[in-house]
Full PDB file with SEQRES, HELIX, SHEET, SSBOND, CRYST1, ORIGX, SCALE, CONECT and MASTER records, all heavy atoms in Angstrom:
SEQRES   1 A   33  VAL TYR ASN HIS THR ALA VAL PRO ALA VAL ASN PRO PHE          
SEQRES   2 A   33  PRO PRO ILE GLN TRP SER TYR ASN ARG GLU VAL ASP ASP          
SEQRES   3 A   33  ASP GLU TYR ASN PRO ALA ARG                                  
CRYST1    1.000    1.000    1.000  90.00  90.00  90.00 P 1           1          
ORIGX1      1.000000  0.000000  0.000000        0.00000                         
ORIGX2      0.000000  1.000000  0.000000        0.00000                         
ORIGX3      0.000000  0.000000  1.000000        0.00000                         
SCALE1      1.000000  0.000000  0.000000        0.00000                         
SCALE2      0.000000  1.000000  0.000000        0.00000                         
SCALE3      0.000000  0.000000  1.000000        0.00000                         
ATOM      1  N   VAL A   1    -130.474 -22.198 182.338  1.00  0.00           N  
ATOM      2  CA  VAL A   1    -129.785 -22.840 183.461  1.00  0.00           C  
ATOM      3  C   VAL A   1    -130.418 -22.502 184.809  1.00  0.00           C  
ATOM      4  O   VAL A   1    -130.602 -23.371 185.654  1.00  0.00           O  
ATOM      5  CB  VAL A   1    -128.284 -22.452 183.479  1.00  0.00           C  
ATOM      6  CG1 VAL A   1    -127.581 -23.115 184.659  1.00  0.00           C  
ATOM      7  CG2 VAL A   1    -127.620 -22.837 182.168  1.00  0.00           C  
ATOM      8  N   TYR A   2    -130.781 -21.250 185.005  1.00  0.00           N  
ATOM      9  CA  TYR A   2    -131.266 -20.827 186.327  1.00  0.00           C  
ATOM     10  C   TYR A   2    -132.770 -21.066 186.504  1.00  0.00           C  
ATOM     11  O   TYR A   2    -133.271 -21.003 187.634  1.00  0.00           O  
ATOM     12  CB  TYR A   2    -130.923 -19.355 186.568  1.00  0.00           C  
ATOM     13  CG  TYR A   2    -129.449 -19.121 186.827  1.00  0.00           C  
ATOM     14  CD1 TYR A   2    -128.539 -19.008 185.777  1.00  0.00           C  
ATOM     15  CD2 TYR A   2    -128.969 -19.022 188.123  1.00  0.00           C  
ATOM     16  CE1 TYR A   2    -127.191 -18.797 186.010  1.00  0.00           C  
ATOM     17  CE2 TYR A   2    -127.621 -18.806 188.377  1.00  0.00           C  
ATOM     18  CZ  TYR A   2    -126.730 -18.694 187.316  1.00  0.00           C  
ATOM     19  OH  TYR A   2    -125.403 -18.483 187.551  1.00  0.00           O  
ATOM     20  N   ASN A   3    -133.474 -21.291 185.407  1.00  0.00           N  
ATOM     21  CA  ASN A   3    -134.877 -21.710 185.485  1.00  0.00           C  
ATOM     22  C   ASN A   3    -135.718 -20.779 186.366  1.00  0.00           C  
ATOM     23  O   ASN A   3    -136.448 -21.212 187.250  1.00  0.00           O  
ATOM     24  CB  ASN A   3    -134.951 -23.145 186.007  1.00  0.00           C  
ATOM     25  CG  ASN A   3    -136.274 -23.807 185.699  1.00  0.00           C  
ATOM     26  OD1 ASN A   3    -136.851 -23.571 184.640  1.00  0.00           O  
ATOM     27  ND2 ASN A   3    -136.765 -24.635 186.618  1.00  0.00           N  
ATOM     28  N   HIS A   4    -135.568 -19.466 186.119  1.00  0.00           N  
ATOM     29  CA  HIS A   4    -136.378 -18.441 186.797  1.00  0.00           C  
ATOM     30  C   HIS A   4    -136.096 -18.341 188.297  1.00  0.00           C  
ATOM     31  O   HIS A   4    -136.950 -17.910 189.066  1.00  0.00           O  
ATOM     32  CB  HIS A   4    -137.871 -18.695 186.572  1.00  0.00           C  
ATOM     33  CG  HIS A   4    -138.244 -18.887 185.132  1.00  0.00           C  
ATOM     34  ND1 HIS A   4    -138.162 -17.868 184.208  1.00  0.00           N  
ATOM     35  CD2 HIS A   4    -138.684 -19.978 184.462  1.00  0.00           C  
ATOM     36  CE1 HIS A   4    -138.540 -18.325 183.030  1.00  0.00           C  
ATOM     37  NE2 HIS A   4    -138.844 -19.603 183.151  1.00  0.00           N  
ATOM     38  N   THR A   5    -134.909 -18.737 188.733  1.00  0.00           N  
ATOM     39  CA  THR A   5    -134.547 -18.622 190.150  1.00  0.00           C  
ATOM     40  C   THR A   5    -133.517 -17.520 190.386  1.00  0.00           C  
ATOM     41  O   THR A   5    -132.928 -17.450 191.466  1.00  0.00           O  
ATOM     42  CB  THR A   5    -133.983 -19.947 190.678  1.00  0.00           C  
ATOM     43  OG1 THR A   5    -132.778 -20.270 189.956  1.00  0.00           O  
ATOM     44  CG2 THR A   5    -134.994 -21.072 190.520  1.00  0.00           C  
ATOM     45  N   ALA A   6    -133.303 -16.645 189.390  1.00  0.00           N  
ATOM     46  CA  ALA A   6    -132.275 -15.614 189.511  1.00  0.00           C  
ATOM     47  C   ALA A   6    -132.678 -14.381 188.718  1.00  0.00           C  
ATOM     48  O   ALA A   6    -133.555 -14.430 187.848  1.00  0.00           O  
ATOM     49  CB  ALA A   6    -130.932 -16.143 189.007  1.00  0.00           C  
ATOM     50  N   VAL A   7    -132.004 -13.266 189.033  1.00  0.00           N  
ATOM     51  CA  VAL A   7    -132.165 -12.036 188.265  1.00  0.00           C  
ATOM     52  C   VAL A   7    -130.822 -11.706 187.634  1.00  0.00           C  
ATOM     53  O   VAL A   7    -129.767 -12.101 188.150  1.00  0.00           O  
ATOM     54  CB  VAL A   7    -132.642 -10.867 189.160  1.00  0.00           C  
ATOM     55  CG1 VAL A   7    -134.024 -11.157 189.721  1.00  0.00           C  
ATOM     56  CG2 VAL A   7    -131.647 -10.579 190.277  1.00  0.00           C  
ATOM     57  N   PRO A   8    -130.825 -10.990 186.499  1.00  0.00           N  
ATOM     58  CA  PRO A   8    -129.558 -10.643 185.858  1.00  0.00           C  
ATOM     59  C   PRO A   8    -128.689  -9.780 186.771  1.00  0.00           C  
ATOM     60  O   PRO A   8    -129.184  -8.861 187.430  1.00  0.00           O  
ATOM     61  CB  PRO A   8    -129.984  -9.859 184.611  1.00  0.00           C  
ATOM     62  CG  PRO A   8    -131.420 -10.202 184.401  1.00  0.00           C  
ATOM     63  CD  PRO A   8    -131.986 -10.482 185.739  1.00  0.00           C  
ATOM     64  N   ALA A   9    -127.408 -10.084 186.820  1.00  0.00           N  
ATOM     65  CA  ALA A   9    -126.474  -9.292 187.617  1.00  0.00           C  
ATOM     66  C   ALA A   9    -125.898  -8.168 186.770  1.00  0.00           C  
ATOM     67  O   ALA A   9    -125.475  -8.390 185.637  1.00  0.00           O  
ATOM     68  CB  ALA A   9    -125.355 -10.172 188.156  1.00  0.00           C  
ATOM     69  N   VAL A  10    -125.887  -6.981 187.325  1.00  0.00           N  
ATOM     70  CA  VAL A  10    -125.305  -5.807 186.672  1.00  0.00           C  
ATOM     71  C   VAL A  10    -124.043  -5.383 187.417  1.00  0.00           C  
ATOM     72  O   VAL A  10    -122.985  -5.184 186.827  1.00  0.00           O  
ATOM     73  CB  VAL A  10    -126.310  -4.639 186.628  1.00  0.00           C  
ATOM     74  CG1 VAL A  10    -125.673  -3.397 185.991  1.00  0.00           C  
ATOM     75  CG2 VAL A  10    -127.566  -5.055 185.874  1.00  0.00           C  
ATOM     76  N   ASN A  11    -124.169  -5.235 188.724  1.00  0.00           N  
ATOM     77  CA  ASN A  11    -123.075  -4.800 189.581  1.00  0.00           C  
ATOM     78  C   ASN A  11    -122.468  -5.991 190.321  1.00  0.00           C  
ATOM     79  O   ASN A  11    -122.998  -7.104 190.260  1.00  0.00           O  
ATOM     80  CB  ASN A  11    -123.588  -3.753 190.574  1.00  0.00           C  
ATOM     81  CG  ASN A  11    -123.944  -2.444 189.872  1.00  0.00           C  
ATOM     82  OD1 ASN A  11    -123.277  -2.031 188.934  1.00  0.00           O  
ATOM     83  ND2 ASN A  11    -125.009  -1.797 190.328  1.00  0.00           N  
ATOM     84  N   PRO A  12    -121.392  -5.771 191.077  1.00  0.00           N  
ATOM     85  CA  PRO A  12    -120.757  -6.902 191.772  1.00  0.00           C  
ATOM     86  C   PRO A  12    -121.548  -7.437 192.951  1.00  0.00           C  
ATOM     87  O   PRO A  12    -121.161  -8.449 193.527  1.00  0.00           O  
ATOM     88  CB  PRO A  12    -119.419  -6.307 192.254  1.00  0.00           C  
ATOM     89  CG  PRO A  12    -119.205  -5.081 191.445  1.00  0.00           C  
ATOM     90  CD  PRO A  12    -120.563  -4.550 191.149  1.00  0.00           C  
ATOM     91  N   PHE A  13    -122.609  -6.768 193.367  1.00  0.00           N  
ATOM     92  CA  PHE A  13    -123.455  -7.295 194.427  1.00  0.00           C  
ATOM     93  C   PHE A  13    -124.913  -7.020 194.102  1.00  0.00           C  
ATOM     94  O   PHE A  13    -125.234  -6.195 193.247  1.00  0.00           O  
ATOM     95  CB  PHE A  13    -123.069  -6.755 195.814  1.00  0.00           C  
ATOM     96  CG  PHE A  13    -122.974  -5.251 195.924  1.00  0.00           C  
ATOM     97  CD1 PHE A  13    -124.091  -4.445 195.795  1.00  0.00           C  
ATOM     98  CD2 PHE A  13    -121.758  -4.647 196.198  1.00  0.00           C  
ATOM     99  CE1 PHE A  13    -124.015  -3.073 195.930  1.00  0.00           C  
ATOM    100  CE2 PHE A  13    -121.662  -3.270 196.328  1.00  0.00           C  
ATOM    101  CZ  PHE A  13    -122.797  -2.485 196.200  1.00  0.00           C  
ATOM    102  N   PRO A  14    -125.851  -7.712 194.764  1.00  0.00           N  
ATOM    103  CA  PRO A  14    -127.265  -7.646 194.377  1.00  0.00           C  
ATOM    104  C   PRO A  14    -127.956  -6.358 194.818  1.00  0.00           C  
ATOM    105  O   PRO A  14    -127.477  -5.651 195.716  1.00  0.00           O  
ATOM    106  CB  PRO A  14    -127.882  -8.861 195.087  1.00  0.00           C  
ATOM    107  CG  PRO A  14    -126.994  -9.102 196.256  1.00  0.00           C  
ATOM    108  CD  PRO A  14    -125.609  -8.729 195.818  1.00  0.00           C  
ATOM    109  N   PRO A  15    -129.102  -6.069 194.231  1.00  0.00           N  
ATOM    110  CA  PRO A  15    -129.837  -4.835 194.550  1.00  0.00           C  
ATOM    111  C   PRO A  15    -130.284  -4.730 196.003  1.00  0.00           C  
ATOM    112  O   PRO A  15    -130.559  -3.624 196.478  1.00  0.00           O  
ATOM    113  CB  PRO A  15    -131.052  -4.902 193.615  1.00  0.00           C  
ATOM    114  CG  PRO A  15    -130.623  -5.763 192.482  1.00  0.00           C  
ATOM    115  CD  PRO A  15    -129.709  -6.783 193.088  1.00  0.00           C  
ATOM    116  N   ILE A  16    -130.369  -5.847 196.728  1.00  0.00           N  
ATOM    117  CA  ILE A  16    -130.780  -5.772 198.130  1.00  0.00           C  
ATOM    118  C   ILE A  16    -129.660  -5.286 199.040  1.00  0.00           C  
ATOM    119  O   ILE A  16    -129.896  -4.965 200.206  1.00  0.00           O  
ATOM    120  CB  ILE A  16    -131.293  -7.132 198.641  1.00  0.00           C  
ATOM    121  CG1 ILE A  16    -130.201  -8.204 198.539  1.00  0.00           C  
ATOM    122  CG2 ILE A  16    -132.553  -7.561 197.917  1.00  0.00           C  
ATOM    123  CD1 ILE A  16    -130.557  -9.507 199.227  1.00  0.00           C  
ATOM    124  N   GLN A  17    -128.435  -5.215 198.532  1.00  0.00           N  
ATOM    125  CA  GLN A  17    -127.300  -4.741 199.323  1.00  0.00           C  
ATOM    126  C   GLN A  17    -127.303  -3.215 199.341  1.00  0.00           C  
ATOM    127  O   GLN A  17    -127.399  -2.575 198.295  1.00  0.00           O  
ATOM    128  CB  GLN A  17    -125.987  -5.241 198.719  1.00  0.00           C  
ATOM    129  CG  GLN A  17    -124.726  -4.704 199.357  1.00  0.00           C  
ATOM    130  CD  GLN A  17    -124.489  -5.272 200.737  1.00  0.00           C  
ATOM    131  OE1 GLN A  17    -124.160  -6.437 200.896  1.00  0.00           O  
ATOM    132  NE2 GLN A  17    -124.641  -4.439 201.749  1.00  0.00           N  
ATOM    133  N   TRP A  18    -127.192  -2.624 200.528  1.00  0.00           N  
ATOM    134  CA  TRP A  18    -127.177  -1.156 200.574  1.00  0.00           C  
ATOM    135  C   TRP A  18    -125.969  -0.622 199.801  1.00  0.00           C  
ATOM    136  O   TRP A  18    -124.938  -1.263 199.735  1.00  0.00           O  
ATOM    137  CB  TRP A  18    -127.202  -0.644 202.017  1.00  0.00           C  
ATOM    138  CG  TRP A  18    -126.032  -0.983 202.902  1.00  0.00           C  
ATOM    139  CD1 TRP A  18    -125.924  -2.048 203.739  1.00  0.00           C  
ATOM    140  CD2 TRP A  18    -124.809  -0.245 203.035  1.00  0.00           C  
ATOM    141  NE1 TRP A  18    -124.727  -2.032 204.397  1.00  0.00           N  
ATOM    142  CE2 TRP A  18    -124.010  -0.927 203.994  1.00  0.00           C  
ATOM    143  CE3 TRP A  18    -124.298   0.916 202.464  1.00  0.00           C  
ATOM    144  CZ2 TRP A  18    -122.754  -0.495 204.384  1.00  0.00           C  
ATOM    145  CZ3 TRP A  18    -123.033   1.360 202.845  1.00  0.00           C  
ATOM    146  CH2 TRP A  18    -122.279   0.658 203.784  1.00  0.00           C  
ATOM    147  N   SER A  19    -126.138   0.516 199.187  1.00  0.00           N  
ATOM    148  CA  SER A  19    -125.177   1.224 198.315  1.00  0.00           C  
ATOM    149  C   SER A  19    -125.197   0.729 196.875  1.00  0.00           C  
ATOM    150  O   SER A  19    -124.380   1.161 196.059  1.00  0.00           O  
ATOM    151  CB  SER A  19    -123.746   1.193 198.861  1.00  0.00           C  
ATOM    152  OG  SER A  19    -123.099  -0.039 198.617  1.00  0.00           O  
ATOM    153  N   TYR A  20    -126.143  -0.144 196.522  1.00  0.00           N  
ATOM    154  CA  TYR A  20    -126.268  -0.601 195.133  1.00  0.00           C  
ATOM    155  C   TYR A  20    -126.571   0.595 194.227  1.00  0.00           C  
ATOM    156  O   TYR A  20    -127.450   1.411 194.519  1.00  0.00           O  
ATOM    157  CB  TYR A  20    -127.389  -1.631 195.023  1.00  0.00           C  
ATOM    158  CG  TYR A  20    -127.561  -2.230 193.644  1.00  0.00           C  
ATOM    159  CD1 TYR A  20    -126.828  -3.340 193.262  1.00  0.00           C  
ATOM    160  CD2 TYR A  20    -128.465  -1.686 192.729  1.00  0.00           C  
ATOM    161  CE1 TYR A  20    -126.989  -3.911 192.010  1.00  0.00           C  
ATOM    162  CE2 TYR A  20    -128.630  -2.245 191.478  1.00  0.00           C  
ATOM    163  CZ  TYR A  20    -127.884  -3.361 191.120  1.00  0.00           C  
ATOM    164  OH  TYR A  20    -128.054  -3.909 189.869  1.00  0.00           O  
ATOM    165  N   ASN A  21    -125.851   0.710 193.110  1.00  0.00           N  
ATOM    166  CA  ASN A  21    -126.017   1.828 192.176  1.00  0.00           C  
ATOM    167  C   ASN A  21    -126.950   1.417 191.025  1.00  0.00           C  
ATOM    168  O   ASN A  21    -126.556   0.692 190.115  1.00  0.00           O  
ATOM    169  CB  ASN A  21    -124.666   2.266 191.615  1.00  0.00           C  
ATOM    170  CG  ASN A  21    -124.756   3.583 190.870  1.00  0.00           C  
ATOM    171  OD1 ASN A  21    -125.833   3.994 190.446  1.00  0.00           O  
ATOM    172  ND2 ASN A  21    -123.629   4.263 190.715  1.00  0.00           N  
ATOM    173  N   ARG A  22    -128.172   1.913 191.085  1.00  0.00           N  
ATOM    174  CA  ARG A  22    -129.171   1.566 190.071  1.00  0.00           C  
ATOM    175  C   ARG A  22    -128.993   2.357 188.769  1.00  0.00           C  
ATOM    176  O   ARG A  22    -129.708   2.107 187.792  1.00  0.00           O  
ATOM    177  CB  ARG A  22    -130.578   1.770 190.638  1.00  0.00           C  
ATOM    178  CG  ARG A  22    -130.864   0.852 191.819  1.00  0.00           C  
ATOM    179  CD  ARG A  22    -132.277   0.987 192.345  1.00  0.00           C  
ATOM    180  NE  ARG A  22    -132.489   0.112 193.497  1.00  0.00           N  
ATOM    181  CZ  ARG A  22    -132.807  -1.177 193.423  1.00  0.00           C  
ATOM    182  NH1 ARG A  22    -132.977  -1.731 192.227  1.00  0.00           N  
ATOM    183  NH2 ARG A  22    -132.964  -1.917 194.510  1.00  0.00           N  
ATOM    184  N   GLU A  23    -128.076   3.289 188.751  1.00  0.00           N  
ATOM    185  CA  GLU A  23    -127.846   4.072 187.538  1.00  0.00           C  
ATOM    186  C   GLU A  23    -126.818   3.440 186.607  1.00  0.00           C  
ATOM    187  O   GLU A  23    -126.569   3.947 185.521  1.00  0.00           O  
ATOM    188  CB  GLU A  23    -127.403   5.491 187.911  1.00  0.00           C  
ATOM    189  CG  GLU A  23    -128.478   6.285 188.655  1.00  0.00           C  
ATOM    190  CD  GLU A  23    -128.033   7.694 188.972  1.00  0.00           C  
ATOM    191  OE1 GLU A  23    -126.892   8.056 188.620  1.00  0.00           O  
ATOM    192  OE2 GLU A  23    -128.819   8.433 189.580  1.00  0.00           O  
ATOM    193  N   VAL A  24    -126.210   2.343 187.024  1.00  0.00           N  
ATOM    194  CA  VAL A  24    -125.252   1.634 186.174  1.00  0.00           C  
ATOM    195  C   VAL A  24    -126.023   0.760 185.187  1.00  0.00           C  
ATOM    196  O   VAL A  24    -126.916   0.001 185.570  1.00  0.00           O  
ATOM    197  CB  VAL A  24    -124.307   0.761 187.025  1.00  0.00           C  
ATOM    198  CG1 VAL A  24    -123.420  -0.104 186.131  1.00  0.00           C  
ATOM    199  CG2 VAL A  24    -123.453   1.634 187.936  1.00  0.00           C  
ATOM    200  N   ASP A  25    -125.690   0.887 183.911  1.00  0.00           N  
ATOM    201  CA  ASP A  25    -126.346   0.089 182.871  1.00  0.00           C  
ATOM    202  C   ASP A  25    -125.610  -1.230 182.665  1.00  0.00           C  
ATOM    203  O   ASP A  25    -124.372  -1.288 182.738  1.00  0.00           O  
ATOM    204  CB  ASP A  25    -126.385   0.853 181.547  1.00  0.00           C  
ATOM    205  CG  ASP A  25    -127.272   2.085 181.618  1.00  0.00           C  
ATOM    206  OD1 ASP A  25    -128.297   2.028 182.321  1.00  0.00           O  
ATOM    207  OD2 ASP A  25    -126.936   3.100 180.981  1.00  0.00           O  
ATOM    208  N   ASP A  26    -126.356  -2.258 182.352  1.00  0.00           N  
ATOM    209  CA  ASP A  26    -125.742  -3.555 182.082  1.00  0.00           C  
ATOM    210  C   ASP A  26    -125.113  -3.558 180.694  1.00  0.00           C  
ATOM    211  O   ASP A  26    -125.427  -2.716 179.836  1.00  0.00           O  
ATOM    212  CB  ASP A  26    -126.794  -4.663 182.181  1.00  0.00           C  
ATOM    213  CG  ASP A  26    -126.161  -6.027 182.418  1.00  0.00           C  
ATOM    214  OD1 ASP A  26    -124.930  -6.097 182.578  1.00  0.00           O  
ATOM    215  OD2 ASP A  26    -126.912  -7.027 182.473  1.00  0.00           O  
ATOM    216  N   ASP A  27    -124.232  -4.522 180.453  1.00  0.00           N  
ATOM    217  CA  ASP A  27    -123.634  -4.693 179.130  1.00  0.00           C  
ATOM    218  C   ASP A  27    -124.734  -5.030 178.127  1.00  0.00           C  
ATOM    219  O   ASP A  27    -125.613  -5.855 178.397  1.00  0.00           O  
ATOM    220  CB  ASP A  27    -122.627  -5.851 179.150  1.00  0.00           C  
ATOM    221  CG  ASP A  27    -121.552  -5.667 180.199  1.00  0.00           C  
ATOM    222  OD1 ASP A  27    -120.772  -4.719 180.092  1.00  0.00           O  
ATOM    223  OD2 ASP A  27    -121.505  -6.496 181.147  1.00  0.00           O  
ATOM    224  N   GLU A  28    -124.699  -4.391 176.966  1.00  0.00           N  
ATOM    225  CA  GLU A  28    -125.668  -4.739 175.936  1.00  0.00           C  
ATOM    226  C   GLU A  28    -125.233  -6.019 175.235  1.00  0.00           C  
ATOM    227  O   GLU A  28    -124.043  -6.298 175.116  1.00  0.00           O  
ATOM    228  CB  GLU A  28    -125.805  -3.611 174.915  1.00  0.00           C  
ATOM    229  CG  GLU A  28    -124.546  -3.362 174.095  1.00  0.00           C  
ATOM    230  CD  GLU A  28    -124.804  -2.420 172.924  1.00  0.00           C  
ATOM    231  OE1 GLU A  28    -125.904  -2.488 172.337  1.00  0.00           O  
ATOM    232  OE2 GLU A  28    -123.894  -1.636 172.605  1.00  0.00           O  
ATOM    233  N   TYR A  29    -126.206  -6.808 174.811  1.00  0.00           N  
ATOM    234  CA  TYR A  29    -125.902  -7.987 174.017  1.00  0.00           C  
ATOM    235  C   TYR A  29    -125.862  -7.560 172.568  1.00  0.00           C  
ATOM    236  O   TYR A  29    -126.883  -7.246 171.953  1.00  0.00           O  
ATOM    237  CB  TYR A  29    -126.962  -9.059 174.235  1.00  0.00           C  
ATOM    238  CG  TYR A  29    -126.799 -10.267 173.347  1.00  0.00           C  
ATOM    239  CD1 TYR A  29    -125.597 -10.976 173.318  1.00  0.00           C  
ATOM    240  CD2 TYR A  29    -127.847 -10.697 172.532  1.00  0.00           C  
ATOM    241  CE1 TYR A  29    -125.444 -12.080 172.499  1.00  0.00           C  
ATOM    242  CE2 TYR A  29    -127.701 -11.803 171.716  1.00  0.00           C  
ATOM    243  CZ  TYR A  29    -126.498 -12.493 171.695  1.00  0.00           C  
ATOM    244  OH  TYR A  29    -126.338 -13.590 170.877  1.00  0.00           O  
ATOM    245  N   ASN A  30    -124.637  -7.507 171.999  1.00  0.00           N  
ATOM    246  CA  ASN A  30    -124.449  -6.981 170.644  1.00  0.00           C  
ATOM    247  C   ASN A  30    -123.239  -7.659 170.003  1.00  0.00           C  
ATOM    248  O   ASN A  30    -122.135  -7.102 169.983  1.00  0.00           O  
ATOM    249  CB  ASN A  30    -124.251  -5.462 170.695  1.00  0.00           C  
ATOM    250  CG  ASN A  30    -124.335  -4.815 169.327  1.00  0.00           C  
ATOM    251  OD1 ASN A  30    -124.025  -5.447 168.316  1.00  0.00           O  
ATOM    252  ND2 ASN A  30    -124.747  -3.555 169.287  1.00  0.00           N  
ATOM    253  N   PRO A  31    -123.404  -8.894 169.482  1.00  0.00           N  
ATOM    254  CA  PRO A  31    -122.275  -9.622 168.901  1.00  0.00           C  
ATOM    255  C   PRO A  31    -121.584  -8.877 167.754  1.00  0.00           C  
ATOM    256  O   PRO A  31    -120.355  -8.963 167.623  1.00  0.00           O  
ATOM    257  CB  PRO A  31    -122.914 -10.920 168.408  1.00  0.00           C  
ATOM    258  CG  PRO A  31    -124.133 -11.089 169.265  1.00  0.00           C  
ATOM    259  CD  PRO A  31    -124.636  -9.706 169.504  1.00  0.00           C  
ATOM    260  N   ALA A  32    -122.346  -8.145 166.931  1.00  0.00           N  
ATOM    261  CA  ALA A  32    -121.732  -7.422 165.804  1.00  0.00           C  
ATOM    262  C   ALA A  32    -120.761  -6.359 166.324  1.00  0.00           C  
ATOM    263  O   ALA A  32    -119.652  -6.200 165.788  1.00  0.00           O  
ATOM    264  CB  ALA A  32    -122.823  -6.788 164.949  1.00  0.00           C  
ATOM    265  N   ARG A  33    -121.173  -5.647 167.348  1.00  0.00           N  
ATOM    266  CA  ARG A  33    -120.290  -4.633 167.923  1.00  0.00           C  
ATOM    267  C   ARG A  33    -119.092  -5.290 168.601  1.00  0.00           C  
ATOM    268  O   ARG A  33    -117.977  -4.748 168.593  1.00  0.00           O  
ATOM    269  CB  ARG A  33    -121.062  -3.779 168.927  1.00  0.00           C  
ATOM    270  CG  ARG A  33    -120.275  -2.587 169.413  1.00  0.00           C  
ATOM    271  CD  ARG A  33    -121.090  -1.718 170.356  1.00  0.00           C  
ATOM    272  NE  ARG A  33    -120.263  -0.691 170.956  1.00  0.00           N  
ATOM    273  CZ  ARG A  33    -120.600   0.028 172.015  1.00  0.00           C  
ATOM    274  NH1 ARG A  33    -121.775  -0.179 172.597  1.00  0.00           N  
ATOM    275  NH2 ARG A  33    -119.787   0.939 172.506  1.00  0.00           N  
TER     276      ARG A  33                                                      
MASTER        0    0    0    0    0    0    0    6  275    1    0    3          
END                                                                             
């Protein structure tokens, strides 16, 4: 859908926003779990 015009979101705001926490891990894609 985004056709290479976006990056995956992990937190509620983007990495360019000050106070972004880079130590938060994104949800894993794991349908079985």
